[in-house]
Amino acid sequence: MDTMLAGRLHLASGTFAVEEVPVPRPGPGEVLVKVEAAGVCLSDVHLIDGSLRPRSHPDGVITLGHEVSGVIHTPGPDLTGSWSPGTRVALQAGQSCGECDACRKRRPGCLAPRTRGVDYDGGWAEFALAREDTLCRIPDHLPFEQAAIIPDAVSTPYAAVVATAQVRPADAVAVWGAGGLGAHGIMVARLAGAAPVIAVDPLPEARRRAERLGADLALDPSDEGFVEAMWAATEGRGLRFAFDFAGVPAVREQAALCLGPGGTLVLVGITRQPLVLSDGRRFGFLGNQIRGHYGSEPEHVEQLIRLVSTGRLNLSGSVSDRLPLADAKEAVARLEHKTGNPIRIVLVP
C-alpha cells in the first residue's frame, strides 16, 4: 500500500482530477484514517471554479473534501488517547491553528482556523491524515455516509440555529435556500421548537422537500405578495430570525423586509457581494440586527452525533446519492447544476 487515489485540485491551473498519489504517513499526534465516505459540498464546487481560494497553500495542490468519516488505519506516535485500528470516526471539518493567542492559552475561539480540504489535505481520498483532536468517535449503528456529512452540512446550520441565533421555542423562523445546508437548517429549527418554520426556495421540488423535512410552509421568493404572505404566516409579528443559506444579496434584502421588531438576519451563505439594505430607516426603527455565521465548533459535531445516534435527528434522507471516488468530477457537476436537486452527494472510495 504505497499509493492511493485522491481528488486533487491544482490551484495554479484550476484543474481538478482524481490522481494516484503516495499514501501519507501519520506524524506525532496524528492518525491515518481509511476513508469510508466523504461529502461533496458547494464550497468544493467554488474551490474548483476559482470563486473560493485557500488563504495559503505552499504546495499549490490540495486534496479536497472536508466532510469525512472512516476507520483508523494507522495510529501515529505520541497520541494522548486510545485510537486503535478499526475505531470508527468522523473528522472535524477543520482544526485550530495552534499558534494564535487563543490557542497558546488553550482557549476556544482560534483566530486563524484551518479548514480540511481547503487549507490542508482533505478526505476525497482512500486515506486521510487527521490530527488527534479532530477525531470524533461514532457508534457502530451510525452509517458512515450520515456520519461524514455531520461536520459542515449539518453542524454549520445547527450552530447557526442553536448558537449564533439561539432560537427559542415558538420563535418564527424562515430559511432562505433549502439545499444542502438549508434543508438541515429547517430540521434543526424544528428540533429547537421554532414555530412557524418557513422555507423559501425558487425550486418547486426543494419547497416540497422542505415541507417533508418539517417546514410548516414553503414559499417561492419570486411570487407577488411574498412579503405579505410571510407576515401573514407569522400572524403579523414578522420573523424573529431569518437565515440566509443562499449567500445572495437579493435574498438578504428580501429577508430584512420580513423581520419583526427585534428580529435578526443571520448570514450563513458565503458571498463576496456587498450587503445592501434598501430601507435602513425601517431596519433601525424595528431594532433589527445582522449576525454573521461561519462553520461550527467541535462540540456541535459531538452533540449532533449523539442526536442522530439516538434518533432525535433523522439524516436517512440527507444522502441523495453515492458515487465512487473515481467519479468525483461527475458528483461536482451534479451539485453545481443541481441535477436531481441533491441535499448531499457522498463519495465512497
Protein backbone atom coordinates (compact mmCIF):
# COMPACT_ATOMS: atom_id res chain seq x y z
CA MET A 1 0.00 0.00 0.00
CA ASP A 2 2.27 2.76 -1.27
CA THR A 3 -0.19 4.79 -3.37
CA MET A 4 -3.87 5.74 -3.32
CA LEU A 5 -6.47 7.64 -5.34
CA ALA A 6 -7.21 11.23 -4.34
CA GLY A 7 -9.28 14.08 -5.78
CA ARG A 8 -6.68 16.83 -6.29
CA LEU A 9 -7.13 20.47 -7.19
CA HIS A 10 -4.14 22.19 -8.83
CA LEU A 11 -4.51 25.78 -7.70
CA ALA A 12 -2.38 27.48 -10.35
CA SER A 13 -4.20 25.96 -13.31
CA GLY A 14 -7.57 25.39 -11.64
CA THR A 15 -7.63 21.79 -12.90
CA PHE A 16 -9.19 19.00 -10.85
CA ALA A 17 -8.51 15.30 -11.32
CA VAL A 18 -8.58 12.04 -9.42
CA GLU A 19 -4.92 11.04 -9.32
CA GLU A 20 -2.68 8.39 -7.85
CA VAL A 21 -0.58 9.84 -5.03
CA PRO A 22 1.53 8.47 -2.17
CA VAL A 23 -0.30 7.32 0.94
CA PRO A 24 0.58 9.82 3.68
CA ARG A 25 2.21 8.74 6.93
CA PRO A 26 0.93 9.98 10.28
CA GLY A 27 3.25 12.19 12.26
CA PRO A 28 3.25 12.84 16.01
CA GLY A 29 -0.29 13.34 17.32
CA GLU A 30 -1.84 12.17 14.04
CA VAL A 31 -3.63 9.07 12.74
CA LEU A 32 -4.12 7.71 9.23
CA VAL A 33 -7.81 7.16 8.52
CA LYS A 34 -9.18 4.79 5.90
CA VAL A 35 -11.92 6.91 4.36
CA GLU A 36 -15.33 5.25 4.08
CA ALA A 37 -17.39 8.26 2.96
CA ALA A 38 -16.80 11.91 2.01
CA GLY A 39 -19.43 14.54 1.30
CA VAL A 40 -19.45 16.88 -1.69
CA CYS A 41 -20.20 20.47 -0.66
CA LEU A 42 -20.94 23.60 -2.67
CA SER A 43 -17.73 25.11 -1.28
CA ASP A 44 -15.85 22.30 -3.07
CA VAL A 45 -17.54 23.42 -6.28
CA HIS A 46 -16.46 27.01 -5.60
CA LEU A 47 -12.88 25.92 -4.95
CA ILE A 48 -12.81 24.18 -8.33
CA ASP A 49 -14.40 27.12 -10.21
CA GLY A 50 -11.97 29.53 -8.53
CA SER A 51 -14.52 31.69 -6.71
CA LEU A 52 -13.18 30.41 -3.38
CA ARG A 53 -9.46 30.25 -2.69
CA PRO A 54 -7.39 28.91 0.22
CA ARG A 55 -5.72 31.58 2.32
CA SER A 56 -2.41 29.92 1.56
CA HIS A 57 -1.20 26.56 0.37
CA PRO A 58 2.50 26.37 -0.37
CA ASP A 59 2.33 23.09 -2.33
CA GLY A 60 -0.05 24.55 -4.91
CA VAL A 61 -2.19 21.40 -4.92
CA ILE A 62 -4.81 20.25 -2.41
CA THR A 63 -6.89 17.13 -1.83
CA LEU A 64 -10.47 18.35 -1.45
CA GLY A 65 -13.11 17.16 1.00
CA HIS A 66 -13.99 18.45 4.47
CA GLU A 67 -16.88 16.09 5.31
CA VAL A 68 -15.21 12.78 6.13
CA SER A 69 -15.79 9.55 8.04
CA GLY A 70 -13.89 6.28 8.20
CA VAL A 71 -11.90 3.95 10.41
CA ILE A 72 -8.49 4.43 11.95
CA HIS A 73 -5.92 2.53 9.92
CA THR A 74 -2.57 3.53 11.42
CA PRO A 75 -2.08 5.42 14.69
CA GLY A 76 0.90 7.75 14.71
CA PRO A 77 3.33 8.33 17.57
CA ASP A 78 2.74 10.43 20.70
CA LEU A 79 -1.05 10.06 20.84
CA THR A 80 -2.64 11.00 24.17
CA GLY A 81 -5.81 8.93 23.67
CA SER A 82 -6.64 5.35 22.76
CA TRP A 83 -7.13 5.25 18.97
CA SER A 84 -6.74 1.65 17.93
CA PRO A 85 -7.04 0.44 14.32
CA GLY A 86 -10.65 -0.13 13.31
CA THR A 87 -12.08 2.64 15.51
CA ARG A 88 -14.97 4.32 13.65
CA VAL A 89 -14.60 8.10 13.44
CA ALA A 90 -15.93 11.25 11.86
CA LEU A 91 -13.44 14.06 11.28
CA GLN A 92 -13.99 17.66 12.27
CA ALA A 93 -14.17 19.87 9.17
CA GLY A 94 -11.18 21.87 10.34
CA GLN A 95 -8.68 22.42 13.10
CA SER A 96 -7.27 25.23 15.21
CA CYS A 97 -4.06 26.90 14.08
CA GLY A 98 -2.22 26.11 17.32
CA GLU A 99 -0.32 29.40 17.11
CA CYS A 100 -2.65 32.32 17.88
CA ASP A 101 -3.14 33.81 21.33
CA ALA A 102 -6.30 31.78 21.99
CA CYS A 103 -4.58 28.53 21.02
CA ARG A 104 -1.48 29.27 23.08
CA LYS A 105 -3.70 29.88 26.12
CA ARG A 106 -5.79 26.79 25.27
CA ARG A 107 -8.95 28.84 24.93
CA PRO A 108 -11.75 28.47 22.36
CA GLY A 109 -12.02 30.99 19.54
CA CYS A 110 -8.97 30.31 17.37
CA LEU A 111 -8.22 33.44 15.35
CA ALA A 112 -6.97 31.56 12.26
CA PRO A 113 -8.79 28.21 11.99
CA ARG A 114 -7.79 25.96 9.10
CA THR A 115 -10.33 24.08 7.00
CA ARG A 116 -9.82 20.48 5.92
CA GLY A 117 -9.70 20.15 2.16
CA VAL A 118 -9.04 23.88 1.80
CA ASP A 119 -6.00 24.79 3.90
CA TYR A 120 -4.68 21.23 4.21
CA ASP A 121 -5.42 17.91 2.50
CA GLY A 122 -8.93 16.61 2.92
CA GLY A 123 -10.85 13.38 2.54
CA TRP A 124 -11.61 12.90 -1.15
CA ALA A 125 -9.10 10.08 -0.98
CA GLU A 126 -8.72 6.47 0.05
CA PHE A 127 -6.77 7.57 3.14
CA ALA A 128 -6.56 10.85 5.06
CA LEU A 129 -4.44 12.22 7.88
CA ALA A 130 -6.20 13.62 10.93
CA ARG A 131 -4.87 15.36 13.99
CA GLU A 132 -5.95 13.56 17.15
CA ASP A 133 -8.03 16.46 18.45
CA THR A 134 -10.17 16.42 15.27
CA LEU A 135 -11.37 12.82 15.75
CA CYS A 136 -14.94 12.09 16.85
CA ARG A 137 -15.92 8.52 17.70
CA ILE A 138 -19.10 7.27 16.04
CA PRO A 139 -21.22 4.29 17.14
CA ASP A 140 -21.43 1.10 15.11
CA HIS A 141 -25.06 1.68 14.09
CA LEU A 142 -24.44 5.15 12.57
CA PRO A 143 -23.88 4.76 8.80
CA PHE A 144 -20.62 6.23 7.52
CA GLU A 145 -22.46 8.28 4.87
CA GLN A 146 -24.53 10.05 7.53
CA ALA A 147 -21.58 10.48 9.87
CA ALA A 148 -19.49 12.06 7.09
CA ILE A 149 -21.92 14.91 6.43
CA ILE A 150 -22.47 15.85 10.07
CA PRO A 151 -19.37 18.11 10.05
CA ASP A 152 -20.44 21.16 8.00
CA ALA A 153 -23.59 20.02 6.13
CA VAL A 154 -25.40 19.56 9.44
CA SER A 155 -23.14 21.21 12.02
CA THR A 156 -22.98 24.59 10.25
CA PRO A 157 -26.77 25.13 10.21
CA TYR A 158 -27.02 23.55 13.67
CA ALA A 159 -24.54 26.06 15.08
CA ALA A 160 -26.27 28.91 13.25
CA VAL A 161 -29.63 27.99 14.79
CA VAL A 162 -28.69 26.96 18.34
CA ALA A 163 -25.53 29.04 18.96
CA THR A 164 -25.49 32.18 16.80
CA ALA A 165 -29.25 32.78 16.79
CA GLN A 166 -30.09 30.84 19.97
CA VAL A 167 -33.54 30.03 18.62
CA ARG A 168 -36.16 29.52 21.33
CA PRO A 169 -39.44 27.57 21.22
CA ALA A 170 -42.18 29.40 19.30
CA ASP A 171 -39.71 31.76 17.56
CA ALA A 172 -40.82 32.45 13.99
CA VAL A 173 -38.03 31.34 11.68
CA ALA A 174 -37.52 31.36 7.91
CA VAL A 175 -34.78 29.68 5.92
CA TRP A 176 -33.79 31.07 2.50
CA GLY A 177 -32.26 28.29 0.38
CA ALA A 178 -33.43 24.74 1.10
CA GLY A 179 -30.35 22.99 -0.33
CA GLY A 180 -27.61 21.07 1.42
CA LEU A 181 -27.27 23.44 4.38
CA GLY A 182 -30.75 24.96 4.41
CA ALA A 183 -32.50 21.58 4.43
CA HIS A 184 -30.74 20.74 7.67
CA GLY A 185 -31.38 24.24 8.99
CA ILE A 186 -35.10 23.54 8.63
CA MET A 187 -34.76 20.25 10.50
CA VAL A 188 -32.75 21.81 13.32
CA ALA A 189 -35.07 24.81 13.65
CA ARG A 190 -37.99 22.43 14.11
CA LEU A 191 -35.97 20.39 16.61
CA ALA A 192 -35.30 23.61 18.55
CA GLY A 193 -39.06 24.28 18.74
CA ALA A 194 -39.31 27.17 16.26
CA ALA A 195 -42.84 27.90 15.10
CA PRO A 196 -43.59 28.51 12.38
CA VAL A 197 -40.64 27.25 10.33
CA ILE A 198 -40.88 28.70 6.82
CA ALA A 199 -38.79 27.56 3.85
CA VAL A 200 -38.03 29.88 0.93
CA ASP A 201 -36.71 28.47 -2.34
CA PRO A 202 -37.39 29.13 -6.05
CA LEU A 203 -37.34 25.40 -6.93
CA PRO A 204 -40.70 23.59 -6.53
CA GLU A 205 -39.05 20.28 -5.62
CA ALA A 206 -36.91 22.00 -2.97
CA ARG A 207 -40.06 23.51 -1.46
CA ARG A 208 -41.85 20.15 -1.43
CA ARG A 209 -38.82 18.53 0.17
CA ALA A 210 -38.66 21.29 2.78
CA GLU A 211 -42.21 20.52 3.84
CA ARG A 212 -41.36 16.82 4.09
CA LEU A 213 -38.43 17.73 6.35
CA GLY A 214 -40.63 19.71 8.72
CA ALA A 215 -41.25 23.19 7.29
CA ASP A 216 -44.72 24.45 8.16
CA LEU A 217 -44.86 26.44 4.94
CA ALA A 218 -42.72 26.74 1.81
CA LEU A 219 -42.80 29.92 -0.29
CA ASP A 220 -41.48 30.92 -3.71
CA PRO A 221 -39.44 34.13 -3.30
CA SER A 222 -40.46 35.32 -6.78
CA ASP A 223 -44.19 35.26 -6.06
CA GLU A 224 -46.05 38.55 -5.98
CA GLY A 225 -47.09 39.34 -2.48
CA PHE A 226 -44.26 37.25 -1.00
CA VAL A 227 -43.54 39.69 1.84
CA GLU A 228 -47.22 39.97 2.68
CA ALA A 229 -47.51 36.17 2.73
CA MET A 230 -44.59 35.98 5.14
CA TRP A 231 -46.18 38.48 7.51
CA ALA A 232 -49.50 36.64 7.29
CA ALA A 233 -47.79 33.33 8.12
CA THR A 234 -46.36 34.90 11.29
CA GLU A 235 -49.75 36.42 12.23
CA GLY A 236 -48.43 39.92 11.69
CA ARG A 237 -45.47 39.56 14.05
CA GLY A 238 -42.78 39.14 11.42
CA LEU A 239 -39.78 36.85 11.73
CA ARG A 240 -37.68 36.51 14.84
CA PHE A 241 -34.88 35.01 12.75
CA ALA A 242 -34.25 34.99 9.01
CA PHE A 243 -31.45 32.65 7.88
CA ASP A 244 -29.73 33.29 4.56
CA PHE A 245 -28.23 29.98 3.42
CA ALA A 246 -28.08 31.11 -0.22
CA GLY A 247 -25.46 33.87 0.01
CA VAL A 248 -27.36 36.02 -2.50
CA PRO A 249 -27.66 39.81 -2.00
CA ALA A 250 -31.29 39.87 -3.17
CA VAL A 251 -32.14 37.24 -0.57
CA ARG A 252 -30.75 39.42 2.20
CA GLU A 253 -32.76 42.44 1.14
CA GLN A 254 -35.93 40.36 0.94
CA ALA A 255 -35.29 38.69 4.28
CA ALA A 256 -34.72 42.03 6.01
CA LEU A 257 -38.22 43.15 4.95
CA CYS A 258 -39.71 40.14 6.74
CA LEU A 259 -38.11 40.78 10.14
CA GLY A 260 -40.39 41.73 13.00
CA PRO A 261 -39.44 44.02 15.90
CA GLY A 262 -36.11 42.87 17.34
CA GLY A 263 -35.69 40.35 14.52
CA THR A 264 -32.27 39.18 13.36
CA LEU A 265 -30.89 38.34 9.93
CA VAL A 266 -28.28 35.55 10.18
CA LEU A 267 -25.83 35.35 7.27
CA VAL A 268 -24.70 31.77 6.67
CA GLY A 269 -24.27 31.58 2.88
CA ILE A 270 -20.89 32.83 1.72
CA THR A 271 -20.63 35.66 -0.80
CA ARG A 272 -18.21 38.47 -1.62
CA GLN A 273 -21.08 40.69 -2.75
CA PRO A 274 -21.85 43.80 -0.67
CA LEU A 275 -24.65 43.74 1.86
CA VAL A 276 -27.31 46.32 0.99
CA LEU A 277 -30.39 47.26 2.99
CA SER A 278 -32.92 49.13 0.89
CA ASP A 279 -34.76 50.55 3.93
CA GLY A 280 -32.26 51.35 6.65
CA ARG A 281 -34.73 53.57 8.47
CA ARG A 282 -37.17 50.69 8.92
CA PHE A 283 -34.33 48.38 9.99
CA GLY A 284 -33.27 50.83 12.69
CA PHE A 285 -36.80 51.63 13.84
CA LEU A 286 -37.55 47.94 14.44
CA GLY A 287 -34.28 47.38 16.26
CA ASN A 288 -33.24 44.67 13.81
CA GLN A 289 -29.79 43.09 13.80
CA ILE A 290 -27.46 41.29 11.40
CA ARG A 291 -25.29 38.40 12.61
CA GLY A 292 -22.57 36.71 10.60
CA HIS A 293 -22.03 32.98 10.93
CA TYR A 294 -19.31 30.57 9.80
CA GLY A 295 -18.91 26.85 10.44
CA SER A 296 -19.28 25.23 13.84
CA GLU A 297 -17.36 24.35 16.98
CA PRO A 298 -16.10 20.83 17.85
CA GLU A 299 -18.78 20.34 20.48
CA HIS A 300 -21.52 20.89 17.90
CA VAL A 301 -20.35 17.87 15.89
CA GLU A 302 -20.21 15.78 19.06
CA GLN A 303 -23.73 16.89 20.04
CA LEU A 304 -25.06 16.05 16.60
CA ILE A 305 -23.52 12.58 16.65
CA ARG A 306 -25.50 11.94 19.85
CA LEU A 307 -28.69 13.45 18.42
CA VAL A 308 -28.51 11.39 15.23
CA SER A 309 -27.43 8.24 17.04
CA THR A 310 -30.38 8.42 19.43
CA GLY A 311 -32.91 9.15 16.70
CA ARG A 312 -33.61 12.75 17.69
CA LEU A 313 -32.46 13.90 14.25
CA ASN A 314 -33.06 11.75 11.18
CA LEU A 315 -30.47 12.06 8.40
CA SER A 316 -31.59 8.98 6.47
CA GLY A 317 -32.91 11.15 3.64
CA SER A 318 -29.95 13.52 3.52
CA VAL A 319 -27.69 11.42 1.30
CA SER A 320 -29.13 11.92 -2.18
CA ASP A 321 -26.63 9.68 -3.98
CA ARG A 322 -23.42 7.72 -3.52
CA LEU A 323 -20.71 7.73 -6.18
CA PRO A 324 -17.27 6.11 -6.29
CA LEU A 325 -14.32 8.40 -5.66
CA ALA A 326 -13.25 7.93 -9.29
CA ASP A 327 -16.46 9.74 -10.31
CA ALA A 328 -15.76 12.85 -8.22
CA LYS A 329 -15.97 15.10 -11.29
CA GLU A 330 -19.48 13.83 -12.02
CA ALA A 331 -20.51 14.44 -8.40
CA VAL A 332 -19.25 18.03 -8.61
CA ALA A 333 -21.13 18.61 -11.88
CA ARG A 334 -24.36 17.22 -10.42
CA LEU A 335 -24.14 19.51 -7.42
CA GLU A 336 -23.15 22.55 -9.46
CA HIS A 337 -26.13 22.13 -11.80
CA LYS A 338 -28.48 20.84 -9.05
CA THR A 339 -29.12 17.69 -11.06
CA GLY A 340 -31.76 15.80 -9.13
CA ASN A 341 -31.86 18.62 -6.55
CA PRO A 342 -29.49 16.83 -4.12
CA ILE A 343 -29.09 17.54 -0.44
CA ARG A 344 -25.70 15.80 -0.28
CA ILE A 345 -23.81 13.57 -2.68
CA VAL A 346 -21.31 11.29 -0.97
CA LEU A 347 -18.12 9.83 -2.46
CA VAL A 348 -17.27 6.27 -1.46
CA PRO A 349 -13.61 5.30 -2.03
